[in-house]
Amino acid sequence: MESWKDLLSPEFYINNGGLWVVLFIVFAETGLFVGFFLPGDSLLFVSGMYATKIIAESFGSTGSDLMDTTILASLISLAAIIGNMIGYWFGYKSGPMLYERKDTWIFKKKYLFKAHDFFEDHGKLAVIMARFLPVVRTFAPIVAGIVKMEKGKFILYNVIGGVLWSFSLIFAGHYLKTFFEDQFGIDLTKHLEWIIIIIVIITTAPVLIKLLSGGDKKKEIEGSN
């Protein structure tokens, strides 16, 4: 590792750990509650660009781009689903304790409150929507457990969200790379920095808008008082 900045680079994990590191990071984001600072959406998108390579190095290529990409997306879906189930179980069993826990460099209570507000605003669909929002997806399953969301419904929305998140980003990365190479002769792997920046902007914009609008509402309430 040349610098700590490599920890934010999806390509670093793909080149130095392959499939198993990617699966661990996806699981850690929700299963261990410490992966919110690691690349999430961008990791999946870039993994899709390297799907055939990742599967070939892990199990041997099937000879089909579609099959290799599907296998990768399926495995990542499974890791995401299991991670969320661990988060839900933890919140269900010991969630209230988290609100009394002191902040550390890993755990910040403000993230828990943000996830709780997001969950309150969007209800059960928050389990699905949170998948596409950095930080929120780490704490949403914990909040679902804390509010004692019905287990059967959580599992359903968890599976739907995990599959949508994984397959959409993996397939987008793989086939956009193919499209740009075939149509324009552009190798997207040579422009990963820009791609990651764009993904970060797209995925964090809803969170920033929510925070800013929330701040404006708070000022309005304070002003009226």
Protein backbone atom coordinates (compact mmCIF):
# COMPACT_ATOMS: atom_id res chain seq x y z
CA MET A 1 0.00 0.00 0.00
CA GLU A 2 1.55 3.28 -1.14
CA SER A 3 -0.56 5.49 1.14
CA TRP A 4 -3.69 5.51 3.30
CA LYS A 5 -5.54 6.89 0.27
CA ASP A 6 -5.37 3.41 -1.24
CA LEU A 7 -7.95 2.38 1.37
CA LEU A 8 -10.48 4.53 -0.50
CA SER A 9 -9.63 3.02 -3.88
CA PRO A 10 -11.84 0.11 -5.07
CA GLU A 11 -9.10 -1.02 -7.45
CA PHE A 12 -6.71 -1.49 -4.50
CA TYR A 13 -8.96 -4.12 -2.93
CA ILE A 14 -9.69 -5.85 -6.22
CA ASN A 15 -6.02 -6.11 -7.14
CA ASN A 16 -4.82 -7.10 -3.66
CA GLY A 17 -7.56 -9.38 -2.43
CA GLY A 18 -9.95 -10.07 -5.24
CA LEU A 19 -13.36 -11.59 -4.63
CA TRP A 20 -12.92 -12.48 -0.97
CA VAL A 21 -11.86 -8.99 0.09
CA VAL A 22 -14.72 -7.45 -1.89
CA LEU A 23 -17.20 -9.79 -0.17
CA PHE A 24 -15.73 -9.02 3.24
CA ILE A 25 -16.00 -5.25 2.70
CA VAL A 26 -19.63 -5.56 1.58
CA PHE A 27 -20.39 -7.67 4.66
CA ALA A 28 -18.43 -5.38 6.99
CA GLU A 29 -20.40 -2.30 5.93
CA THR A 30 -23.45 -3.63 7.75
CA GLY A 31 -22.37 -6.78 9.56
CA LEU A 32 -19.49 -5.22 11.49
CA PHE A 33 -20.63 -1.57 11.46
CA VAL A 34 -17.12 -0.36 10.68
CA GLY A 35 -17.09 -0.28 6.91
CA PHE A 36 -18.98 2.95 6.32
CA PHE A 37 -15.72 4.75 5.45
CA LEU A 38 -14.76 2.12 2.85
CA PRO A 39 -15.80 2.29 -0.82
CA GLY A 40 -19.25 0.79 -1.24
CA ASP A 41 -21.11 1.75 -4.40
CA SER A 42 -17.89 2.53 -6.25
CA LEU A 43 -16.43 -0.83 -5.16
CA LEU A 44 -19.36 -2.68 -6.71
CA PHE A 45 -19.30 -0.61 -9.90
CA VAL A 46 -15.57 -1.12 -10.41
CA SER A 47 -15.88 -4.81 -9.48
CA GLY A 48 -18.40 -5.11 -12.30
CA MET A 49 -15.81 -3.70 -14.69
CA TYR A 50 -13.42 -6.47 -13.60
CA ALA A 51 -16.11 -9.16 -13.18
CA THR A 52 -14.66 -11.73 -15.58
CA LYS A 53 -11.17 -11.27 -14.14
CA ILE A 54 -12.38 -11.60 -10.54
CA ILE A 55 -14.34 -14.78 -11.22
CA ALA A 56 -11.60 -16.28 -13.39
CA GLU A 57 -9.00 -15.78 -10.65
CA SER A 58 -11.32 -17.12 -7.94
CA PHE A 59 -13.02 -20.13 -9.55
CA GLY A 60 -12.03 -20.17 -13.20
CA SER A 61 -13.97 -18.44 -15.96
CA THR A 62 -17.26 -19.93 -17.17
CA GLY A 63 -16.50 -18.61 -20.64
CA SER A 64 -19.52 -16.33 -20.51
CA ASP A 65 -19.40 -12.64 -19.55
CA LEU A 66 -23.03 -12.79 -18.50
CA MET A 67 -22.54 -15.85 -16.30
CA ASP A 68 -19.37 -14.51 -14.68
CA THR A 69 -21.05 -11.19 -13.93
CA THR A 70 -24.15 -12.94 -12.57
CA ILE A 71 -22.06 -15.13 -10.26
CA LEU A 72 -20.21 -12.09 -8.92
CA ALA A 73 -23.42 -10.12 -8.37
CA SER A 74 -25.06 -13.11 -6.67
CA LEU A 75 -22.17 -13.62 -4.24
CA ILE A 76 -22.07 -9.92 -3.38
CA SER A 77 -25.85 -9.95 -2.87
CA LEU A 78 -25.46 -12.81 -0.42
CA ALA A 79 -22.73 -10.99 1.54
CA ALA A 80 -24.88 -7.84 1.66
CA ILE A 81 -27.96 -9.75 2.82
CA ILE A 82 -26.08 -11.62 5.55
CA GLY A 83 -24.44 -8.38 6.71
CA ASN A 84 -27.83 -6.68 7.05
CA MET A 85 -29.23 -9.64 8.99
CA ILE A 86 -26.36 -9.38 11.48
CA GLY A 87 -27.02 -5.63 11.82
CA TYR A 88 -30.74 -6.25 12.37
CA TRP A 89 -30.08 -8.92 14.99
CA PHE A 90 -27.62 -6.68 16.82
CA GLY A 91 -30.07 -3.77 16.85
CA TYR A 92 -32.90 -6.03 17.98
CA LYS A 93 -30.91 -7.45 20.88
CA SER A 94 -28.86 -4.51 22.08
CA GLY A 95 -29.80 -1.47 20.02
CA PRO A 96 -30.88 0.88 22.84
CA MET A 97 -27.41 0.51 24.33
CA LEU A 98 -25.94 2.16 21.23
CA TYR A 99 -27.67 5.45 22.03
CA GLU A 100 -25.78 5.58 25.32
CA ARG A 101 -22.44 4.55 23.84
CA LYS A 102 -19.70 7.16 23.61
CA ASP A 103 -18.38 8.19 20.22
CA THR A 104 -15.16 6.60 18.95
CA TRP A 105 -13.24 7.02 15.70
CA ILE A 106 -15.20 4.01 14.39
CA PHE A 107 -18.63 4.63 15.88
CA LYS A 108 -20.47 7.97 15.71
CA LYS A 109 -23.92 8.29 17.25
CA LYS A 110 -24.85 11.01 14.76
CA TYR A 111 -24.84 8.35 12.02
CA LEU A 112 -27.28 6.29 14.03
CA PHE A 113 -29.62 9.27 14.41
CA LYS A 114 -29.40 10.02 10.68
CA ALA A 115 -30.30 6.43 9.87
CA HIS A 116 -33.18 6.57 12.36
CA ASP A 117 -34.58 9.76 10.79
CA PHE A 118 -34.25 8.23 7.32
CA PHE A 119 -36.06 5.11 8.52
CA GLU A 120 -38.84 7.19 10.10
CA ASP A 121 -39.32 9.19 6.89
CA HIS A 122 -39.43 6.24 4.49
CA GLY A 123 -40.72 3.36 6.60
CA LYS A 124 -40.07 -0.20 5.50
CA LEU A 125 -38.84 0.93 2.08
CA ALA A 126 -35.89 2.51 3.90
CA VAL A 127 -34.34 -0.96 4.10
CA ILE A 128 -34.23 -1.04 0.29
CA MET A 129 -33.42 2.63 -0.31
CA ALA A 130 -30.65 2.70 2.30
CA ARG A 131 -28.62 0.27 0.22
CA PHE A 132 -27.83 3.08 -2.19
CA LEU A 133 -26.85 5.63 0.46
CA PRO A 134 -23.37 5.65 2.06
CA VAL A 135 -23.31 5.58 5.88
CA VAL A 136 -27.11 5.20 6.05
CA ARG A 137 -26.89 1.61 4.75
CA THR A 138 -24.51 0.77 7.59
CA PHE A 139 -26.93 1.78 10.33
CA ALA A 140 -30.36 1.25 8.72
CA PRO A 141 -30.54 -2.47 9.60
CA ILE A 142 -29.56 -1.68 13.20
CA VAL A 143 -32.38 0.85 13.41
CA ALA A 144 -34.79 -1.69 11.89
CA GLY A 145 -33.83 -4.02 14.72
CA ILE A 146 -34.14 -1.30 17.36
CA VAL A 147 -37.70 -0.41 16.30
CA LYS A 148 -38.51 -4.13 16.25
CA MET A 149 -39.48 -4.27 12.58
CA GLU A 150 -41.22 -7.57 11.84
CA LYS A 151 -38.52 -10.11 11.01
CA GLY A 152 -40.30 -11.58 7.98
CA LYS A 153 -40.81 -8.16 6.40
CA PHE A 154 -37.24 -7.13 7.13
CA ILE A 155 -35.91 -10.28 5.47
CA LEU A 156 -38.07 -9.64 2.38
CA TYR A 157 -36.98 -6.01 1.99
CA ASN A 158 -33.40 -6.95 2.85
CA VAL A 159 -33.26 -9.53 0.05
CA ILE A 160 -34.87 -7.17 -2.46
CA GLY A 161 -32.52 -4.34 -1.52
CA GLY A 162 -29.41 -6.51 -1.54
CA VAL A 163 -30.19 -7.96 -4.96
CA LEU A 164 -31.14 -4.60 -6.52
CA TRP A 165 -28.05 -2.87 -5.14
CA SER A 166 -25.61 -5.59 -6.14
CA PHE A 167 -26.97 -6.46 -9.56
CA SER A 168 -27.61 -2.87 -10.67
CA LEU A 169 -24.11 -1.63 -9.83
CA ILE A 170 -22.23 -4.76 -10.90
CA PHE A 171 -24.02 -5.00 -14.25
CA ALA A 172 -23.81 -1.24 -14.82
CA GLY A 173 -20.05 -1.32 -14.30
CA HIS A 174 -19.52 -4.36 -16.52
CA TYR A 175 -21.70 -3.38 -19.46
CA LEU A 176 -20.92 0.34 -19.45
CA LYS A 177 -17.26 -0.59 -19.71
CA THR A 178 -18.07 -2.87 -22.66
CA PHE A 179 -20.28 -0.22 -24.28
CA PHE A 180 -17.66 2.55 -24.10
CA GLU A 181 -14.96 0.23 -25.44
CA ASP A 182 -17.08 -0.98 -28.36
CA GLN A 183 -18.68 2.35 -29.28
CA PHE A 184 -15.98 4.90 -28.50
CA GLY A 185 -12.78 2.94 -27.95
CA ILE A 186 -12.57 4.28 -24.40
CA ASP A 187 -11.24 2.06 -21.63
CA LEU A 188 -13.08 3.14 -18.49
CA THR A 189 -10.51 1.44 -16.28
CA LYS A 190 -8.13 4.22 -17.30
CA HIS A 191 -10.50 6.81 -15.86
CA LEU A 192 -11.40 5.27 -12.51
CA GLU A 193 -10.71 8.42 -10.48
CA TRP A 194 -13.33 10.38 -12.38
CA ILE A 195 -15.79 7.49 -12.26
CA ILE A 196 -15.40 7.19 -8.47
CA ILE A 197 -15.86 10.95 -8.02
CA ILE A 198 -19.07 10.88 -10.08
CA ILE A 199 -20.43 7.89 -8.13
CA VAL A 200 -19.62 9.54 -4.80
CA ILE A 201 -21.41 12.74 -5.89
CA ILE A 202 -24.48 10.83 -7.07
CA THR A 203 -24.76 8.64 -3.98
CA THR A 204 -24.06 11.34 -1.39
CA ALA A 205 -26.22 14.04 -2.97
CA PRO A 206 -29.52 12.72 -1.46
CA VAL A 207 -27.93 12.58 2.00
CA LEU A 208 -26.54 16.12 1.72
CA ILE A 209 -29.85 17.47 0.42
CA LYS A 210 -31.65 15.81 3.30
CA LEU A 211 -29.24 17.26 5.85
CA LEU A 212 -29.43 20.75 4.36
CA SER A 213 -33.22 20.73 4.14
CA GLY A 214 -33.38 19.41 7.68
CA GLY A 215 -31.15 22.24 8.84
CA ASP A 216 -33.38 24.82 7.11
CA LYS A 217 -36.50 23.37 8.74
CA LYS A 218 -34.82 23.48 12.12
CA LYS A 219 -33.97 27.15 11.63
CA GLU A 220 -37.58 27.89 10.60
CA ILE A 221 -38.90 26.20 13.73
CA GLU A 222 -36.43 28.03 15.95
CA GLY A 223 -37.30 31.31 14.24
CA SER A 224 -41.04 30.83 14.75
CA ASN A 225 -40.43 30.25 18.42
